[in-house]
Amino acid sequence: MGLLDEVRLRARHIVGPVLCLVLVGYFAYHLVNGERGFIAFLQLNQQIHEAKASAAFLAKERVEIESRVALMRPDRLDPDMLGEQARVMLSIGHPDEVVIFSRVIK
């Protein structure tokens, strides 16, 4: 019985530190890999960066489209823009013309 008592006595001294070590390991793992951990934070920052870049590109494209639409207003119609749009919409042109489309109009 002396050996069993010795094991029980030492087990009481080991349980506390082992339990604390397991808890620290659990929280450290979730600090890095958890749903709101460090890796998720980095991925979220990457998504924010991509969204800001996309928003800047779309804002620039919107300004370009608005300027092209402004040239088509009835009170100040640009003949070059009118001719370009007619060629695109009707798919026509002069026989001696070479047409190079710089972007697709949706």
PDB file of N, CA and C in Angstrom:
ATOM      1  N   MET A   1       0.801  -1.197   0.000  1.00  0.00           N
ATOM      2  CA  MET A   1       0.000   0.000   0.000  1.00  0.00           C
ATOM      3  C   MET A   1       0.847   1.265   0.000  1.00  0.00           C
ATOM      4  N   GLY A   2       2.042   1.195   0.348  1.00  0.00           N
ATOM      5  CA  GLY A   2       2.915   2.360   0.393  1.00  0.00           C
ATOM      6  C   GLY A   2       3.152   2.940  -0.992  1.00  0.00           C
ATOM      7  N   LEU A   3       3.261   2.074  -2.005  1.00  0.00           N
ATOM      8  CA  LEU A   3       3.487   2.547  -3.379  1.00  0.00           C
ATOM      9  C   LEU A   3       2.264   3.269  -3.919  1.00  0.00           C
ATOM     10  N   LEU A   4       1.088   2.724  -3.632  1.00  0.00           N
ATOM     11  CA  LEU A   4      -0.162   3.354  -4.090  1.00  0.00           C
ATOM     12  C   LEU A   4      -0.361   4.724  -3.429  1.00  0.00           C
ATOM     13  N   ASP A   5      -0.028   4.816  -2.152  1.00  0.00           N
ATOM     14  CA  ASP A   5      -0.149   6.107  -1.455  1.00  0.00           C
ATOM     15  C   ASP A   5       0.835   7.133  -2.032  1.00  0.00           C
ATOM     16  N   GLU A   6       2.032   6.671  -2.372  1.00  0.00           N
ATOM     17  CA  GLU A   6       3.041   7.563  -2.964  1.00  0.00           C
ATOM     18  C   GLU A   6       2.578   8.092  -4.322  1.00  0.00           C
ATOM     19  N   VAL A   7       1.951   7.243  -5.136  1.00  0.00           N
ATOM     20  CA  VAL A   7       1.441   7.657  -6.453  1.00  0.00           C
ATOM     21  C   VAL A   7       0.312   8.665  -6.290  1.00  0.00           C
ATOM     22  N   ARG A   8      -0.569   8.438  -5.353  1.00  0.00           N
ATOM     23  CA  ARG A   8      -1.677   9.377  -5.114  1.00  0.00           C
ATOM     24  C   ARG A   8      -1.152  10.732  -4.639  1.00  0.00           C
ATOM     25  N   LEU A   9      -0.169  10.717  -3.773  1.00  0.00           N
ATOM     26  CA  LEU A   9       0.393  11.968  -3.268  1.00  0.00           C
ATOM     27  C   LEU A   9       1.051  12.766  -4.390  1.00  0.00           C
ATOM     28  N   ARG A  10       1.827  12.109  -5.234  1.00  0.00           N
ATOM     29  CA  ARG A  10       2.485  12.808  -6.342  1.00  0.00           C
ATOM     30  C   ARG A  10       1.477  13.246  -7.405  1.00  0.00           C
ATOM     31  N   ALA A  11       0.423  12.490  -7.608  1.00  0.00           N
ATOM     32  CA  ALA A  11      -0.607  12.844  -8.594  1.00  0.00           C
ATOM     33  C   ALA A  11      -1.315  14.131  -8.189  1.00  0.00           C
ATOM     34  N   ARG A  12      -1.486  14.309  -6.887  1.00  0.00           N
ATOM     35  CA  ARG A  12      -2.145  15.544  -6.428  1.00  0.00           C
ATOM     36  C   ARG A  12      -1.301  16.771  -6.749  1.00  0.00           C
ATOM     37  N   HIS A  13      -0.006  16.634  -6.714  1.00  0.00           N
ATOM     38  CA  HIS A  13       0.881  17.759  -6.994  1.00  0.00           C
ATOM     39  C   HIS A  13       1.027  18.007  -8.500  1.00  0.00           C
ATOM     40  N   ILE A  14       0.764  17.020  -9.312  1.00  0.00           N
ATOM     41  CA  ILE A  14       0.942  17.133 -10.760  1.00  0.00           C
ATOM     42  C   ILE A  14      -0.328  17.608 -11.458  1.00  0.00           C
ATOM     43  N   VAL A  15      -1.487  17.297 -10.920  1.00  0.00           N
ATOM     44  CA  VAL A  15      -2.760  17.596 -11.584  1.00  0.00           C
ATOM     45  C   VAL A  15      -2.927  19.092 -11.835  1.00  0.00           C
ATOM     46  N   GLY A  16      -2.617  19.930 -10.887  1.00  0.00           N
ATOM     47  CA  GLY A  16      -2.784  21.382 -11.040  1.00  0.00           C
ATOM     48  C   GLY A  16      -1.966  21.953 -12.185  1.00  0.00           C
ATOM     49  N   PRO A  17      -0.653  21.726 -12.199  1.00  0.00           N
ATOM     50  CA  PRO A  17       0.148  22.256 -13.306  1.00  0.00           C
ATOM     51  C   PRO A  17      -0.227  21.675 -14.667  1.00  0.00           C
ATOM     52  N   VAL A  18      -0.563  20.393 -14.718  1.00  0.00           N
ATOM     53  CA  VAL A  18      -0.949  19.781 -15.991  1.00  0.00           C
ATOM     54  C   VAL A  18      -2.260  20.401 -16.484  1.00  0.00           C
ATOM     55  N   LEU A  19      -3.209  20.604 -15.591  1.00  0.00           N
ATOM     56  CA  LEU A  19      -4.483  21.226 -15.969  1.00  0.00           C
ATOM     57  C   LEU A  19      -4.257  22.655 -16.471  1.00  0.00           C
ATOM     58  N   CYS A  20      -3.394  23.406 -15.802  1.00  0.00           N
ATOM     59  CA  CYS A  20      -3.081  24.771 -16.255  1.00  0.00           C
ATOM     60  C   CYS A  20      -2.392  24.753 -17.617  1.00  0.00           C
ATOM     61  N   LEU A  21      -1.489  23.803 -17.816  1.00  0.00           N
ATOM     62  CA  LEU A  21      -0.798  23.686 -19.094  1.00  0.00           C
ATOM     63  C   LEU A  21      -1.774  23.350 -20.220  1.00  0.00           C
ATOM     64  N   VAL A  22      -2.728  22.478 -19.951  1.00  0.00           N
ATOM     65  CA  VAL A  22      -3.735  22.131 -20.955  1.00  0.00           C
ATOM     66  C   VAL A  22      -4.609  23.354 -21.283  1.00  0.00           C
ATOM     67  N   LEU A  23      -5.015  24.115 -20.283  1.00  0.00           N
ATOM     68  CA  LEU A  23      -5.823  25.310 -20.513  1.00  0.00           C
ATOM     69  C   LEU A  23      -5.056  26.365 -21.303  1.00  0.00           C
ATOM     70  N   VAL A  24      -3.794  26.567 -20.970  1.00  0.00           N
ATOM     71  CA  VAL A  24      -2.973  27.531 -21.710  1.00  0.00           C
ATOM     72  C   VAL A  24      -2.821  27.078 -23.156  1.00  0.00           C
ATOM     73  N   GLY A  25      -2.593  25.797 -23.372  1.00  0.00           N
ATOM     74  CA  GLY A  25      -2.484  25.260 -24.732  1.00  0.00           C
ATOM     75  C   GLY A  25      -3.775  25.438 -25.519  1.00  0.00           C
ATOM     76  N   TYR A  26      -4.905  25.189 -24.865  1.00  0.00           N
ATOM     77  CA  TYR A  26      -6.210  25.352 -25.514  1.00  0.00           C
ATOM     78  C   TYR A  26      -6.412  26.794 -25.964  1.00  0.00           C
ATOM     79  N   PHE A  27      -6.172  27.738 -25.068  1.00  0.00           N
ATOM     80  CA  PHE A  27      -6.382  29.139 -25.411  1.00  0.00           C
ATOM     81  C   PHE A  27      -5.347  29.647 -26.426  1.00  0.00           C
ATOM     82  N   ALA A  28      -4.121  29.155 -26.349  1.00  0.00           N
ATOM     83  CA  ALA A  28      -3.099  29.553 -27.324  1.00  0.00           C
ATOM     84  C   ALA A  28      -3.474  29.050 -28.712  1.00  0.00           C
ATOM     85  N   TYR A  29      -3.975  27.835 -28.802  1.00  0.00           N
ATOM     86  CA  TYR A  29      -4.397  27.290 -30.098  1.00  0.00           C
ATOM     87  C   TYR A  29      -5.506  28.149 -30.704  1.00  0.00           C
ATOM     88  N   HIS A  30      -6.506  28.476 -29.903  1.00  0.00           N
ATOM     89  CA  HIS A  30      -7.618  29.278 -30.416  1.00  0.00           C
ATOM     90  C   HIS A  30      -7.229  30.741 -30.654  1.00  0.00           C
ATOM     91  N   LEU A  31      -6.207  31.212 -29.977  1.00  0.00           N
ATOM     92  CA  LEU A  31      -5.706  32.556 -30.246  1.00  0.00           C
ATOM     93  C   LEU A  31      -5.129  32.638 -31.653  1.00  0.00           C
ATOM     94  N   VAL A  32      -4.526  31.569 -32.120  1.00  0.00           N
ATOM     95  CA  VAL A  32      -3.923  31.555 -33.450  1.00  0.00           C
ATOM     96  C   VAL A  32      -4.907  31.055 -34.506  1.00  0.00           C
ATOM     97  N   ASN A  33      -5.545  29.928 -34.265  1.00  0.00           N
ATOM     98  CA  ASN A  33      -6.360  29.263 -35.283  1.00  0.00           C
ATOM     99  C   ASN A  33      -7.864  29.410 -35.108  1.00  0.00           C
ATOM    100  N   GLY A  34      -8.321  30.104 -34.110  1.00  0.00           N
ATOM    101  CA  GLY A  34      -9.744  30.171 -33.832  1.00  0.00           C
ATOM    102  C   GLY A  34     -10.514  31.008 -34.848  1.00  0.00           C
ATOM    103  N   GLU A  35     -11.817  31.030 -34.657  1.00  0.00           N
ATOM    104  CA  GLU A  35     -12.705  31.784 -35.552  1.00  0.00           C
ATOM    105  C   GLU A  35     -12.364  33.265 -35.550  1.00  0.00           C
ATOM    106  N   ARG A  36     -11.912  33.770 -34.439  1.00  0.00           N
ATOM    107  CA  ARG A  36     -11.489  35.173 -34.333  1.00  0.00           C
ATOM    108  C   ARG A  36     -10.020  35.280 -33.975  1.00  0.00           C
ATOM    109  N   GLY A  37      -9.238  34.315 -34.398  1.00  0.00           N
ATOM    110  CA  GLY A  37      -7.823  34.277 -34.080  1.00  0.00           C
ATOM    111  C   GLY A  37      -6.983  35.124 -35.014  1.00  0.00           C
ATOM    112  N   PHE A  38      -5.670  34.955 -34.872  1.00  0.00           N
ATOM    113  CA  PHE A  38      -4.722  35.761 -35.624  1.00  0.00           C
ATOM    114  C   PHE A  38      -4.791  35.472 -37.124  1.00  0.00           C
ATOM    115  N   ILE A  39      -4.929  34.237 -37.501  1.00  0.00           N
ATOM    116  CA  ILE A  39      -5.018  33.878 -38.930  1.00  0.00           C
ATOM    117  C   ILE A  39      -6.299  34.445 -39.539  1.00  0.00           C
ATOM    118  N   ALA A  40      -7.411  34.366 -38.819  1.00  0.00           N
ATOM    119  CA  ALA A  40      -8.656  34.949 -39.308  1.00  0.00           C
ATOM    120  C   ALA A  40      -8.529  36.463 -39.440  1.00  0.00           C
ATOM    121  N   PHE A  41      -7.809  37.076 -38.522  1.00  0.00           N
ATOM    122  CA  PHE A  41      -7.567  38.519 -38.583  1.00  0.00           C
ATOM    123  C   PHE A  41      -6.795  38.889 -39.837  1.00  0.00           C
ATOM    124  N   LEU A  42      -5.756  38.121 -40.164  1.00  0.00           N
ATOM    125  CA  LEU A  42      -4.983  38.389 -41.369  1.00  0.00           C
ATOM    126  C   LEU A  42      -5.819  38.192 -42.632  1.00  0.00           C
ATOM    127  N   GLN A  43      -6.651  37.155 -42.652  1.00  0.00           N
ATOM    128  CA  GLN A  43      -7.515  36.921 -43.809  1.00  0.00           C
ATOM    129  C   GLN A  43      -8.534  38.041 -43.967  1.00  0.00           C
ATOM    130  N   LEU A  44      -9.075  38.520 -42.877  1.00  0.00           N
ATOM    131  CA  LEU A  44     -10.036  39.619 -42.927  1.00  0.00           C
ATOM    132  C   LEU A  44      -9.379  40.899 -43.429  1.00  0.00           C
ATOM    133  N   ASN A  45      -8.151  41.172 -42.997  1.00  0.00           N
ATOM    134  CA  ASN A  45      -7.433  42.346 -43.505  1.00  0.00           C
ATOM    135  C   ASN A  45      -7.187  42.228 -44.999  1.00  0.00           C
ATOM    136  N   GLN A  46      -6.873  41.017 -45.478  1.00  0.00           N
ATOM    137  CA  GLN A  46      -6.670  40.803 -46.916  1.00  0.00           C
ATOM    138  C   GLN A  46      -7.965  41.066 -47.683  1.00  0.00           C
ATOM    139  N   GLN A  47      -9.089  40.590 -47.159  1.00  0.00           N
ATOM    140  CA  GLN A  47     -10.384  40.831 -47.809  1.00  0.00           C
ATOM    141  C   GLN A  47     -10.723  42.313 -47.830  1.00  0.00           C
ATOM    142  N   ILE A  48     -10.405  43.023 -46.762  1.00  0.00           N
ATOM    143  CA  ILE A  48     -10.659  44.470 -46.713  1.00  0.00           C
ATOM    144  C   ILE A  48      -9.811  45.185 -47.755  1.00  0.00           C
ATOM    145  N   HIS A  49      -8.552  44.788 -47.878  1.00  0.00           N
ATOM    146  CA  HIS A  49      -7.666  45.390 -48.875  1.00  0.00           C
ATOM    147  C   HIS A  49      -8.197  45.151 -50.286  1.00  0.00           C
ATOM    148  N   GLU A  50      -8.642  43.927 -50.577  1.00  0.00           N
ATOM    149  CA  GLU A  50      -9.184  43.612 -51.902  1.00  0.00           C
ATOM    150  C   GLU A  50     -10.471  44.393 -52.165  1.00  0.00           C
ATOM    151  N   ALA A  51     -11.321  44.533 -51.155  1.00  0.00           N
ATOM    152  CA  ALA A  51     -12.566  45.279 -51.329  1.00  0.00           C
ATOM    153  C   ALA A  51     -12.295  46.760 -51.577  1.00  0.00           C
ATOM    154  N   LYS A  52     -11.312  47.322 -50.891  1.00  0.00           N
ATOM    155  CA  LYS A  52     -10.973  48.731 -51.117  1.00  0.00           C
ATOM    156  C   LYS A  52     -10.408  48.934 -52.520  1.00  0.00           C
ATOM    157  N   ALA A  53      -9.586  47.999 -52.981  1.00  0.00           N
ATOM    158  CA  ALA A  53      -9.041  48.103 -54.336  1.00  0.00           C
ATOM    159  C   ALA A  53     -10.154  47.995 -55.371  1.00  0.00           C
ATOM    160  N   SER A  54     -11.088  47.089 -55.140  1.00  0.00           N
ATOM    161  CA  SER A  54     -12.223  46.930 -56.046  1.00  0.00           C
ATOM    162  C   SER A  54     -13.098  48.187 -56.047  1.00  0.00           C
ATOM    163  N   ALA A  55     -13.318  48.756 -54.873  1.00  0.00           N
ATOM    164  CA  ALA A  55     -14.131  49.969 -54.780  1.00  0.00           C
ATOM    165  C   ALA A  55     -13.466  51.135 -55.500  1.00  0.00           C
ATOM    166  N   ALA A  56     -12.152  51.247 -55.380  1.00  0.00           N
ATOM    167  CA  ALA A  56     -11.440  52.325 -56.070  1.00  0.00           C
ATOM    168  C   ALA A  56     -11.517  52.151 -57.580  1.00  0.00           C
ATOM    169  N   PHE A  57     -11.368  50.913 -58.046  1.00  0.00           N
ATOM    170  CA  PHE A  57     -11.473  50.639 -59.481  1.00  0.00           C
ATOM    171  C   PHE A  57     -12.869  50.963 -59.987  1.00  0.00           C
ATOM    172  N   LEU A  58     -13.897  50.549 -59.246  1.00  0.00           N
ATOM    173  CA  LEU A  58     -15.275  50.809 -59.671  1.00  0.00           C
ATOM    174  C   LEU A  58     -15.603  52.303 -59.635  1.00  0.00           C
ATOM    175  N   ALA A  59     -15.057  53.024 -58.668  1.00  0.00           N
ATOM    176  CA  ALA A  59     -15.290  54.468 -58.619  1.00  0.00           C
ATOM    177  C   ALA A  59     -14.667  55.154 -59.829  1.00  0.00           C
ATOM    178  N   LYS A  60     -13.463  54.715 -60.201  1.00  0.00           N
ATOM    179  CA  LYS A  60     -12.808  55.280 -61.376  1.00  0.00           C
ATOM    180  C   LYS A  60     -13.608  54.963 -62.636  1.00  0.00           C
ATOM    181  N   GLU A  61     -14.076  53.729 -62.739  1.00  0.00           N
ATOM    182  CA  GLU A  61     -14.866  53.337 -63.903  1.00  0.00           C
ATOM    183  C   GLU A  61     -16.183  54.118 -63.956  1.00  0.00           C
ATOM    184  N   ARG A  62     -16.784  54.359 -62.794  1.00  0.00           N
ATOM    185  CA  ARG A  62     -18.031  55.120 -62.752  1.00  0.00           C
ATOM    186  C   ARG A  62     -17.821  56.550 -63.249  1.00  0.00           C
ATOM    187  N   VAL A  63     -16.720  57.168 -62.841  1.00  0.00           N
ATOM    188  CA  VAL A  63     -16.423  58.534 -63.289  1.00  0.00           C
ATOM    189  C   VAL A  63     -16.256  58.561 -64.801  1.00  0.00           C
ATOM    190  N   GLU A  64     -15.570  57.552 -65.355  1.00  0.00           N
ATOM    191  CA  GLU A  64     -15.389  57.491 -66.807  1.00  0.00           C
ATOM    192  C   GLU A  64     -16.720  57.337 -67.524  1.00  0.00           C
ATOM    193  N   ILE A  65     -17.575  56.469 -67.010  1.00  0.00           N
ATOM    194  CA  ILE A  65     -18.881  56.255 -67.637  1.00  0.00           C
ATOM    195  C   ILE A  65     -19.739  57.513 -67.534  1.00  0.00           C
ATOM    196  N   GLU A  66     -19.695  58.177 -66.368  1.00  0.00           N
ATOM    197  CA  GLU A  66     -20.478  59.403 -66.205  1.00  0.00           C
ATOM    198  C   GLU A  66     -20.006  60.494 -67.168  1.00  0.00           C
ATOM    199  N   SER A  67     -18.707  60.554 -67.404  1.00  0.00           N
ATOM    200  CA  SER A  67     -18.213  61.572 -68.341  1.00  0.00           C
ATOM    201  C   SER A  67     -18.636  61.241 -69.768  1.00  0.00           C
ATOM    202  N   ARG A  68     -18.670  59.959 -70.109  1.00  0.00           N
ATOM    203  CA  ARG A  68     -19.133  59.558 -71.439  1.00  0.00           C
ATOM    204  C   ARG A  68     -20.633  59.823 -71.601  1.00  0.00           C
ATOM    205  N   VAL A  69     -21.394  59.604 -70.539  1.00  0.00           N
ATOM    206  CA  VAL A  69     -22.833  59.868 -70.601  1.00  0.00           C
ATOM    207  C   VAL A  69     -23.092  61.367 -70.711  1.00  0.00           C
ATOM    208  N   ALA A  70     -22.269  62.157 -70.038  1.00  0.00           N
ATOM    209  CA  ALA A  70     -22.437  63.614 -70.108  1.00  0.00           C
ATOM    210  C   ALA A  70     -22.259  64.111 -71.540  1.00  0.00           C
ATOM    211  N   LEU A  71     -21.414  63.440 -72.323  1.00  0.00           N
ATOM    212  CA  LEU A  71     -21.228  63.836 -73.722  1.00  0.00           C
ATOM    213  C   LEU A  71     -22.434  63.488 -74.590  1.00  0.00           C
ATOM    214  N   MET A  72     -23.315  62.640 -74.110  1.00  0.00           N
ATOM    215  CA  MET A  72     -24.489  62.224 -74.882  1.00  0.00           C
ATOM    216  C   MET A  72     -25.761  62.981 -74.480  1.00  0.00           C
ATOM    217  N   ARG A  73     -25.658  63.938 -73.599  1.00  0.00           N
ATOM    218  CA  ARG A  73     -26.850  64.688 -73.176  1.00  0.00           C
ATOM    219  C   ARG A  73     -27.385  65.517 -74.343  1.00  0.00           C
ATOM    220  N   PRO A  74     -28.706  65.648 -74.452  1.00  0.00           N
ATOM    221  CA  PRO A  74     -29.291  66.358 -75.592  1.00  0.00           C
ATOM    222  C   PRO A  74     -28.904  67.829 -75.678  1.00  0.00           C
ATOM    223  N   ASP A  75     -28.680  68.489 -74.559  1.00  0.00           N
ATOM    224  CA  ASP A  75     -28.362  69.913 -74.601  1.00  0.00           C
ATOM    225  C   ASP A  75     -26.938  70.185 -75.084  1.00  0.00           C
ATOM    226  N   ARG A  76     -26.044  69.201 -75.012  1.00  0.00           N
ATOM    227  CA  ARG A  76     -24.682  69.388 -75.508  1.00  0.00           C
ATOM    228  C   ARG A  76     -24.163  68.067 -76.093  1.00  0.00           C
ATOM    229  N   LEU A  77     -24.706  67.694 -77.195  1.00  0.00           N
ATOM    230  CA  LEU A  77     -24.380  66.440 -77.848  1.00  0.00           C
ATOM    231  C   LEU A  77     -23.055  66.535 -78.588  1.00  0.00           C
ATOM    232  N   ASP A  78     -22.181  65.579 -78.350  1.00  0.00           N
ATOM    233  CA  ASP A  78     -20.879  65.529 -79.011  1.00  0.00           C
ATOM    234  C   ASP A  78     -21.007  64.666 -80.272  1.00  0.00           C
ATOM    235  N   PRO A  79     -20.740  65.206 -81.442  1.00  0.00           N
ATOM    236  CA  PRO A  79     -20.907  64.434 -82.683  1.00  0.00           C
ATOM    237  C   PRO A  79     -20.002  63.206 -82.761  1.00  0.00           C
ATOM    238  N   ASP A  80     -18.803  63.312 -82.241  1.00  0.00           N
ATOM    239  CA  ASP A  80     -17.908  62.151 -82.259  1.00  0.00           C
ATOM    240  C   ASP A  80     -18.461  61.009 -81.408  1.00  0.00           C
ATOM    241  N   MET A  81     -18.986  61.352 -80.243  1.00  0.00           N
ATOM    242  CA  MET A  81     -19.555  60.326 -79.368  1.00  0.00           C
ATOM    243  C   MET A  81     -20.797  59.716 -80.004  1.00  0.00           C
ATOM    244  N   LEU A  82     -21.592  60.536 -80.649  1.00  0.00           N
ATOM    245  CA  LEU A  82     -22.789  60.030 -81.321  1.00  0.00           C
ATOM    246  C   LEU A  82     -22.409  59.066 -82.442  1.00  0.00           C
ATOM    247  N   GLY A  83     -21.425  59.420 -83.226  1.00  0.00           N
ATOM    248  CA  GLY A  83     -20.976  58.541 -84.300  1.00  0.00           C
ATOM    249  C   GLY A  83     -20.406  57.232 -83.766  1.00  0.00           C
ATOM    250  N   GLU A  84     -19.637  57.322 -82.694  1.00  0.00           N
ATOM    251  CA  GLU A  84     -19.059  56.115 -82.096  1.00  0.00           C
ATOM    252  C   GLU A  84     -20.150  55.179 -81.586  1.00  0.00           C
ATOM    253  N   GLN A  85     -21.124  55.738 -80.883  1.00  0.00           N
ATOM    254  CA  GLN A  85     -22.206  54.914 -80.350  1.00  0.00           C
ATOM    255  C   GLN A  85     -23.055  54.314 -81.465  1.00  0.00           C
ATOM    256  N   ALA A  86     -23.276  55.056 -82.535  1.00  0.00           N
ATOM    257  CA  ALA A  86     -24.056  54.518 -83.656  1.00  0.00           C
ATOM    258  C   ALA A  86     -23.315  53.346 -84.299  1.00  0.00           C
ATOM    259  N   ARG A  87     -22.024  53.464 -84.451  1.00  0.00           N
ATOM    260  CA  ARG A  87     -21.244  52.357 -85.028  1.00  0.00           C
ATOM    261  C   ARG A  87     -21.270  51.126 -84.134  1.00  0.00           C
ATOM    262  N   VAL A  88     -21.175  51.346 -82.840  1.00  0.00           N
ATOM    263  CA  VAL A  88     -21.186  50.208 -81.912  1.00  0.00           C
ATOM    264  C   VAL A  88     -22.558  49.545 -81.885  1.00  0.00           C
ATOM    265  N   MET A  89     -23.608  50.338 -81.766  1.00  0.00           N
ATOM    266  CA  MET A  89     -24.957  49.776 -81.642  1.00  0.00           C
ATOM    267  C   MET A  89     -25.452  49.142 -82.937  1.00  0.00           C
ATOM    268  N   LEU A  90     -25.137  49.748 -84.057  1.00  0.00           N
ATOM    269  CA  LEU A  90     -25.645  49.252 -85.333  1.00  0.00           C
ATOM    270  C   LEU A  90     -24.640  48.363 -86.067  1.00  0.00           C
ATOM    271  N   SER A  91     -23.440  48.280 -85.554  1.00  0.00           N
ATOM    272  CA  SER A  91     -22.366  47.486 -86.174  1.00  0.00           C
ATOM    273  C   SER A  91     -22.162  47.876 -87.634  1.00  0.00           C
ATOM    274  N   ILE A  92     -22.032  49.168 -87.864  1.00  0.00           N
ATOM    275  CA  ILE A  92     -21.817  49.652 -89.224  1.00  0.00           C
ATOM    276  C   ILE A  92     -20.581  50.541 -89.256  1.00  0.00           C
ATOM    277  N   GLY A  93     -20.096  50.788 -90.450  1.00  0.00           N
ATOM    278  CA  GLY A  93     -18.971  51.677 -90.641  1.00  0.00           C
ATOM    279  C   GLY A  93     -18.731  51.869 -92.121  1.00  0.00           C
ATOM    280  N   HIS A  94     -17.849  52.770 -92.447  1.00  0.00           N
ATOM    281  CA  HIS A  94     -17.498  53.003 -93.841  1.00  0.00           C
ATOM    282  C   HIS A  94     -16.594  51.878 -94.328  1.00  0.00           C
ATOM    283  N   PRO A  95     -16.632  51.581 -95.631  1.00  0.00           N
ATOM    284  CA  PRO A  95     -15.813  50.465 -96.140  1.00  0.00           C
ATOM    285  C   PRO A  95     -14.307  50.670 -95.959  1.00  0.00           C
ATOM    286  N   ASP A  96     -13.849  51.901 -95.935  1.00  0.00           N
ATOM    287  CA  ASP A  96     -12.410  52.136 -95.828  1.00  0.00           C
ATOM    288  C   ASP A  96     -11.955  52.377 -94.377  1.00  0.00           C
ATOM    289  N   GLU A  97     -12.837  52.186 -93.397  1.00  0.00           N
ATOM    290  CA  GLU A  97     -12.499  52.400 -91.994  1.00  0.00           C
ATOM    291  C   GLU A  97     -11.913  51.142 -91.369  1.00  0.00           C
ATOM    292  N   VAL A  98     -11.011  51.360 -90.444  1.00  0.00           N
ATOM    293  CA  VAL A  98     -10.514  50.293 -89.587  1.00  0.00           C
ATOM    294  C   VAL A  98     -11.001  50.623 -88.173  1.00  0.00           C
ATOM    295  N   VAL A  99     -11.786  49.722 -87.591  1.00  0.00           N
ATOM    296  CA  VAL A  99     -12.387  49.962 -86.293  1.00  0.00           C
ATOM    297  C   VAL A  99     -11.628  49.150 -85.247  1.00  0.00           C
ATOM    298  N   ILE A 100     -11.174  49.824 -84.224  1.00  0.00           N
ATOM    299  CA  ILE A 100     -10.488  49.179 -83.103  1.00  0.00           C
ATOM    300  C   ILE A 100     -11.284  49.503 -81.837  1.00  0.00           C
ATOM    301  N   PHE A 101     -11.865  48.492 -81.243  1.00  0.00           N
ATOM    302  CA  PHE A 101     -12.639  48.685 -80.019  1.00  0.00           C
ATOM    303  C   PHE A 101     -11.696  48.599 -78.824  1.00  0.00           C
ATOM    304  N   SER A 102     -11.686  49.634 -78.023  1.00  0.00           N
ATOM    305  CA  SER A 102     -10.772  49.668 -76.890  1.00  0.00           C
ATOM    306  C   SER A 102     -11.382  49.045 -75.644  1.00  0.00           C
ATOM    307  N   ARG A 103     -12.696  48.956 -75.560  1.00  0.00           N
ATOM    308  CA  ARG A 103     -13.338  48.306 -74.430  1.00  0.00           C
ATOM    309  C   ARG A 103     -14.711  47.835 -74.838  1.00  0.00           C
ATOM    310  N   VAL A 104     -15.226  46.891 -74.102  1.00  0.00           N
ATOM    311  CA  VAL A 104     -16.529  46.307 -74.408  1.00  0.00           C
ATOM    312  C   VAL A 104     -17.590  47.116 -73.701  1.00  0.00           C
ATOM    313  N   ILE A 105     -18.624  47.511 -74.417  1.00  0.00           N
ATOM    314  CA  ILE A 105     -19.725  48.258 -73.827  1.00  0.00           C
ATOM    315  C   ILE A 105     -20.838  47.265 -73.518  1.00  0.00           C
ATOM    316  N   LYS A 106     -21.254  47.263 -72.293  1.00  0.00           N
ATOM    317  CA  LYS A 106     -22.258  46.286 -71.843  1.00  0.00           C
ATOM    318  C   LYS A 106     -23.638  46.872 -71.917  1.00  0.00           C
TER     319      LYS A 106
END
